[in-house]
Amino acid sequence: MSLPPALPSWPCLANWRPRLMMRKKPLALRGPGEDDIDLAGLTDQMMRRMAEAQAEALRLPPERTENLVKNWAAHRAIAGNRLAWCRHIALLQNLGHEGLPSTLYRDEPEHLCICTLHGYRSPSGSTDWFGLIEAFKTRFCHGCGDRSPGGSGA
């Protein structure tokens, strides 16, 4: 299977830790998948509040809050997939929008889906992270003998 070239400017969302969430335990005492449990359990109302706080902290215009809500929804979706589908699935975000305050979350960022075990990746980026995750699972994950539900950290 031929993979697209690596995109080094797309850091892994699976390793990003939301700073706005209250941790139940110190980071050093958290077990594998606990961040995924927290993220997968976010309600729409919680995501909205965090997006509003993030927009305020970043001094973004109010109309950009929706793109932050969508970003939190992508975090929630991939965390739920790691818990229920496979801990090796991850979502990458193109962080090119972070270069200037004028572009920060002006548009919804594109994502890629990857397998951290086998190195598979989506052939192209998309703002439709739900469709991207489902297409990735269909193309690369169905029938994989290494599928391992249970969250990140392994």
C-alpha atoms as a PDB file:
ATOM      1  CA  MET A   1       0.000   0.000   0.000  1.00  0.00           C
ATOM      2  CA  SER A   2       1.486   3.343  -1.046  1.00  0.00           C
ATOM      3  CA  LEU A   3       1.348   6.102   1.540  1.00  0.00           C
ATOM      4  CA  PRO A   4       1.393   9.857   0.929  1.00  0.00           C
ATOM      5  CA  PRO A   5       4.581  11.646   2.001  1.00  0.00           C
ATOM      6  CA  ALA A   6       4.923  12.624   5.642  1.00  0.00           C
ATOM      7  CA  LEU A   7       3.563  16.021   6.605  1.00  0.00           C
ATOM      8  CA  PRO A   8       5.884  17.139   9.426  1.00  0.00           C
ATOM      9  CA  SER A   9       3.906  20.334  10.088  1.00  0.00           C
ATOM     10  CA  TRP A  10       0.857  18.303  11.199  1.00  0.00           C
ATOM     11  CA  PRO A  11       1.517  17.400  14.869  1.00  0.00           C
ATOM     12  CA  CYS A  12      -0.483  14.594  16.410  1.00  0.00           C
ATOM     13  CA  LEU A  13      -3.656  15.571  18.225  1.00  0.00           C
ATOM     14  CA  ALA A  14      -3.555  12.318  20.175  1.00  0.00           C
ATOM     15  CA  ASN A  15      -0.605  13.669  22.159  1.00  0.00           C
ATOM     16  CA  TRP A  16      -2.037  17.151  22.705  1.00  0.00           C
ATOM     17  CA  ARG A  17      -3.333  17.699  26.216  1.00  0.00           C
ATOM     18  CA  PRO A  18      -6.131  20.264  26.636  1.00  0.00           C
ATOM     19  CA  ARG A  19      -5.006  22.747  29.250  1.00  0.00           C
ATOM     20  CA  LEU A  20      -8.552  23.843  30.063  1.00  0.00           C
ATOM     21  CA  MET A  21      -9.630  20.475  31.482  1.00  0.00           C
ATOM     22  CA  MET A  22      -9.421  19.736  35.189  1.00  0.00           C
ATOM     23  CA  ARG A  23      -7.411  16.583  35.807  1.00  0.00           C
ATOM     24  CA  LYS A  24      -8.662  14.043  38.317  1.00  0.00           C
ATOM     25  CA  LYS A  25      -5.094  12.894  39.071  1.00  0.00           C
ATOM     26  CA  PRO A  26      -1.638  14.375  38.548  1.00  0.00           C
ATOM     27  CA  LEU A  27      -0.336  13.647  35.045  1.00  0.00           C
ATOM     28  CA  ALA A  28       2.337  11.249  36.338  1.00  0.00           C
ATOM     29  CA  LEU A  29      -0.335   9.085  38.008  1.00  0.00           C
ATOM     30  CA  ARG A  30      -2.714   8.893  35.047  1.00  0.00           C
ATOM     31  CA  GLY A  31      -3.015   5.527  33.353  1.00  0.00           C
ATOM     32  CA  PRO A  32      -3.212   4.762  29.636  1.00  0.00           C
ATOM     33  CA  GLY A  33      -6.381   6.081  28.055  1.00  0.00           C
ATOM     34  CA  GLU A  34      -7.490   8.363  30.892  1.00  0.00           C
ATOM     35  CA  ASP A  35      -7.229  11.487  28.735  1.00  0.00           C
ATOM     36  CA  ASP A  36      -9.272   9.683  26.086  1.00  0.00           C
ATOM     37  CA  ILE A  37     -11.917   8.848  28.677  1.00  0.00           C
ATOM     38  CA  ASP A  38     -12.098  12.520  29.660  1.00  0.00           C
ATOM     39  CA  LEU A  39     -12.218  13.735  26.055  1.00  0.00           C
ATOM     40  CA  ALA A  40     -14.738  11.119  24.904  1.00  0.00           C
ATOM     41  CA  GLY A  41     -16.991  12.110  27.806  1.00  0.00           C
ATOM     42  CA  LEU A  42     -17.221  15.780  26.876  1.00  0.00           C
ATOM     43  CA  THR A  43     -20.770  16.997  26.407  1.00  0.00           C
ATOM     44  CA  ASP A  44     -21.712  19.534  23.746  1.00  0.00           C
ATOM     45  CA  GLN A  45     -22.207  22.091  26.513  1.00  0.00           C
ATOM     46  CA  MET A  46     -18.728  21.406  27.958  1.00  0.00           C
ATOM     47  CA  MET A  47     -17.146  21.749  24.515  1.00  0.00           C
ATOM     48  CA  ARG A  48     -18.978  25.049  23.942  1.00  0.00           C
ATOM     49  CA  ARG A  49     -17.803  26.445  27.303  1.00  0.00           C
ATOM     50  CA  MET A  50     -14.196  25.384  26.653  1.00  0.00           C
ATOM     51  CA  ALA A  51     -14.289  26.841  23.138  1.00  0.00           C
ATOM     52  CA  GLU A  52     -15.630  30.138  24.462  1.00  0.00           C
ATOM     53  CA  ALA A  53     -12.941  30.277  27.160  1.00  0.00           C
ATOM     54  CA  GLN A  54     -10.271  29.398  24.597  1.00  0.00           C
ATOM     55  CA  ALA A  55     -11.530  32.085  22.171  1.00  0.00           C
ATOM     56  CA  GLU A  56     -11.489  34.649  24.970  1.00  0.00           C
ATOM     57  CA  ALA A  57      -7.976  33.638  26.098  1.00  0.00           C
ATOM     58  CA  LEU A  58      -6.709  33.849  22.513  1.00  0.00           C
ATOM     59  CA  ARG A  59      -8.601  37.137  21.971  1.00  0.00           C
ATOM     60  CA  LEU A  60     -10.352  35.750  18.919  1.00  0.00           C
ATOM     61  CA  PRO A  61     -13.413  37.358  17.331  1.00  0.00           C
ATOM     62  CA  PRO A  62     -16.610  35.659  18.568  1.00  0.00           C
ATOM     63  CA  GLU A  63     -17.424  34.223  15.127  1.00  0.00           C
ATOM     64  CA  ARG A  64     -14.369  31.942  15.383  1.00  0.00           C
ATOM     65  CA  THR A  65     -15.775  30.138  18.420  1.00  0.00           C
ATOM     66  CA  GLU A  66     -17.667  27.700  16.151  1.00  0.00           C
ATOM     67  CA  ASN A  67     -14.381  26.482  14.663  1.00  0.00           C
ATOM     68  CA  LEU A  68     -13.044  25.915  18.180  1.00  0.00           C
ATOM     69  CA  VAL A  69     -16.178  23.928  19.066  1.00  0.00           C
ATOM     70  CA  LYS A  70     -15.606  21.797  15.952  1.00  0.00           C
ATOM     71  CA  ASN A  71     -11.982  21.309  17.030  1.00  0.00           C
ATOM     72  CA  TRP A  72     -13.116  20.009  20.440  1.00  0.00           C
ATOM     73  CA  ALA A  73     -15.639  17.756  18.664  1.00  0.00           C
ATOM     74  CA  ALA A  74     -12.781  16.280  16.601  1.00  0.00           C
ATOM     75  CA  HIS A  75     -10.842  15.617  19.839  1.00  0.00           C
ATOM     76  CA  ARG A  76     -13.894  13.928  21.337  1.00  0.00           C
ATOM     77  CA  ALA A  77     -14.501  11.806  18.232  1.00  0.00           C
ATOM     78  CA  ILE A  78     -10.950  10.504  17.897  1.00  0.00           C
ATOM     79  CA  ALA A  79     -10.752   9.801  21.642  1.00  0.00           C
ATOM     80  CA  GLY A  80     -13.957   7.782  21.425  1.00  0.00           C
ATOM     81  CA  ASN A  81     -12.551   5.883  18.447  1.00  0.00           C
ATOM     82  CA  ARG A  82      -9.351   5.077  20.353  1.00  0.00           C
ATOM     83  CA  LEU A  83     -11.421   3.722  23.243  1.00  0.00           C
ATOM     84  CA  ALA A  84     -13.943   1.731  21.203  1.00  0.00           C
ATOM     85  CA  TRP A  85     -12.104   0.984  17.942  1.00  0.00           C
ATOM     86  CA  CYS A  86      -8.301   1.047  18.281  1.00  0.00           C
ATOM     87  CA  ARG A  87      -5.790   2.879  20.448  1.00  0.00           C
ATOM     88  CA  HIS A  88      -3.500   3.326  17.426  1.00  0.00           C
ATOM     89  CA  ILE A  89      -5.836   5.643  15.492  1.00  0.00           C
ATOM     90  CA  ALA A  90      -4.960   9.330  15.706  1.00  0.00           C
ATOM     91  CA  LEU A  91      -6.026  12.602  14.137  1.00  0.00           C
ATOM     92  CA  LEU A  92      -3.537  15.198  12.945  1.00  0.00           C
ATOM     93  CA  GLN A  93      -4.411  18.848  12.494  1.00  0.00           C
ATOM     94  CA  ASN A  94      -2.803  21.145   9.953  1.00  0.00           C
ATOM     95  CA  LEU A  95      -1.528  23.940  12.193  1.00  0.00           C
ATOM     96  CA  GLY A  96      -0.786  26.333   9.334  1.00  0.00           C
ATOM     97  CA  HIS A  97      -3.622  28.570  10.572  1.00  0.00           C
ATOM     98  CA  GLU A  98      -1.667  29.254  13.778  1.00  0.00           C
ATOM     99  CA  GLY A  99       0.983  31.296  11.978  1.00  0.00           C
ATOM    100  CA  LEU A 100      -0.838  34.624  12.273  1.00  0.00           C
ATOM    101  CA  PRO A 101      -3.489  35.976  14.650  1.00  0.00           C
ATOM    102  CA  SER A 102      -5.539  36.951  11.580  1.00  0.00           C
ATOM    103  CA  THR A 103      -5.776  33.291  10.450  1.00  0.00           C
ATOM    104  CA  LEU A 104      -6.044  31.565  13.861  1.00  0.00           C
ATOM    105  CA  TYR A 105      -9.248  29.473  13.640  1.00  0.00           C
ATOM    106  CA  ARG A 106     -10.625  31.824  10.962  1.00  0.00           C
ATOM    107  CA  ASP A 107     -11.497  28.670   9.020  1.00  0.00           C
ATOM    108  CA  GLU A 108     -12.004  25.142  10.266  1.00  0.00           C
ATOM    109  CA  PRO A 109      -8.580  23.406  10.149  1.00  0.00           C
ATOM    110  CA  GLU A 110      -7.964  20.367   7.974  1.00  0.00           C
ATOM    111  CA  HIS A 111      -7.178  17.005   9.555  1.00  0.00           C
ATOM    112  CA  LEU A 112      -5.498  13.756   8.560  1.00  0.00           C
ATOM    113  CA  CYS A 113      -6.062  10.363  10.136  1.00  0.00           C
ATOM    114  CA  ILE A 114      -3.094   8.094  10.900  1.00  0.00           C
ATOM    115  CA  CYS A 115      -2.277   4.723  12.413  1.00  0.00           C
ATOM    116  CA  THR A 116       0.491   5.183  14.980  1.00  0.00           C
ATOM    117  CA  LEU A 117       1.368   1.475  14.793  1.00  0.00           C
ATOM    118  CA  HIS A 118       1.596   0.861  11.049  1.00  0.00           C
ATOM    119  CA  GLY A 119       2.164   4.413   9.786  1.00  0.00           C
ATOM    120  CA  TYR A 120      -0.880   4.487   7.502  1.00  0.00           C
ATOM    121  CA  ARG A 121      -2.313   7.928   6.818  1.00  0.00           C
ATOM    122  CA  SER A 122      -5.208   9.470   4.981  1.00  0.00           C
ATOM    123  CA  PRO A 123      -4.307  10.305   1.383  1.00  0.00           C
ATOM    124  CA  SER A 124      -5.420  13.931   1.840  1.00  0.00           C
ATOM    125  CA  GLY A 125      -6.585  16.355   4.494  1.00  0.00           C
ATOM    126  CA  SER A 126     -10.195  17.320   5.117  1.00  0.00           C
ATOM    127  CA  THR A 127     -12.273  19.520   7.395  1.00  0.00           C
ATOM    128  CA  ASP A 128     -14.793  16.651   7.540  1.00  0.00           C
ATOM    129  CA  TRP A 129     -13.046  14.785  10.352  1.00  0.00           C
ATOM    130  CA  PHE A 130     -15.998  12.407  10.859  1.00  0.00           C
ATOM    131  CA  GLY A 131     -15.944  11.265   7.233  1.00  0.00           C
ATOM    132  CA  LEU A 132     -12.161  11.164   7.306  1.00  0.00           C
ATOM    133  CA  ILE A 133     -12.099   8.834  10.330  1.00  0.00           C
ATOM    134  CA  GLU A 134     -14.734   6.512   8.845  1.00  0.00           C
ATOM    135  CA  ALA A 135     -12.973   6.370   5.439  1.00  0.00           C
ATOM    136  CA  PHE A 136      -9.648   5.680   7.158  1.00  0.00           C
ATOM    137  CA  LYS A 137     -11.103   2.817   9.205  1.00  0.00           C
ATOM    138  CA  THR A 138     -12.688   1.323   6.080  1.00  0.00           C
ATOM    139  CA  ARG A 139      -9.477   1.560   4.048  1.00  0.00           C
ATOM    140  CA  PHE A 140      -6.877   0.586   6.638  1.00  0.00           C
ATOM    141  CA  CYS A 141      -8.441  -0.884   9.781  1.00  0.00           C
ATOM    142  CA  HIS A 142     -11.094  -3.400   8.788  1.00  0.00           C
ATOM    143  CA  GLY A 143      -9.489  -6.801   9.047  1.00  0.00           C
ATOM    144  CA  CYS A 144      -6.371  -5.517  10.845  1.00  0.00           C
ATOM    145  CA  GLY A 145      -5.161  -8.134  13.326  1.00  0.00           C
ATOM    146  CA  ASP A 146      -3.514  -5.470  15.473  1.00  0.00           C
ATOM    147  CA  ARG A 147      -6.692  -3.548  16.344  1.00  0.00           C
ATOM    148  CA  SER A 148      -6.568  -2.841  20.053  1.00  0.00           C
ATOM    149  CA  PRO A 149      -9.370  -0.792  21.642  1.00  0.00           C
ATOM    150  CA  GLY A 150      -8.664   0.912  24.904  1.00  0.00           C
ATOM    151  CA  GLY A 151      -7.342   4.433  24.495  1.00  0.00           C
ATOM    152  CA  SER A 152      -4.011   6.112  23.972  1.00  0.00           C
ATOM    153  CA  GLY A 153      -0.881   5.531  25.933  1.00  0.00           C
ATOM    154  CA  ALA A 154       0.338   2.273  24.483  1.00  0.00           C
END
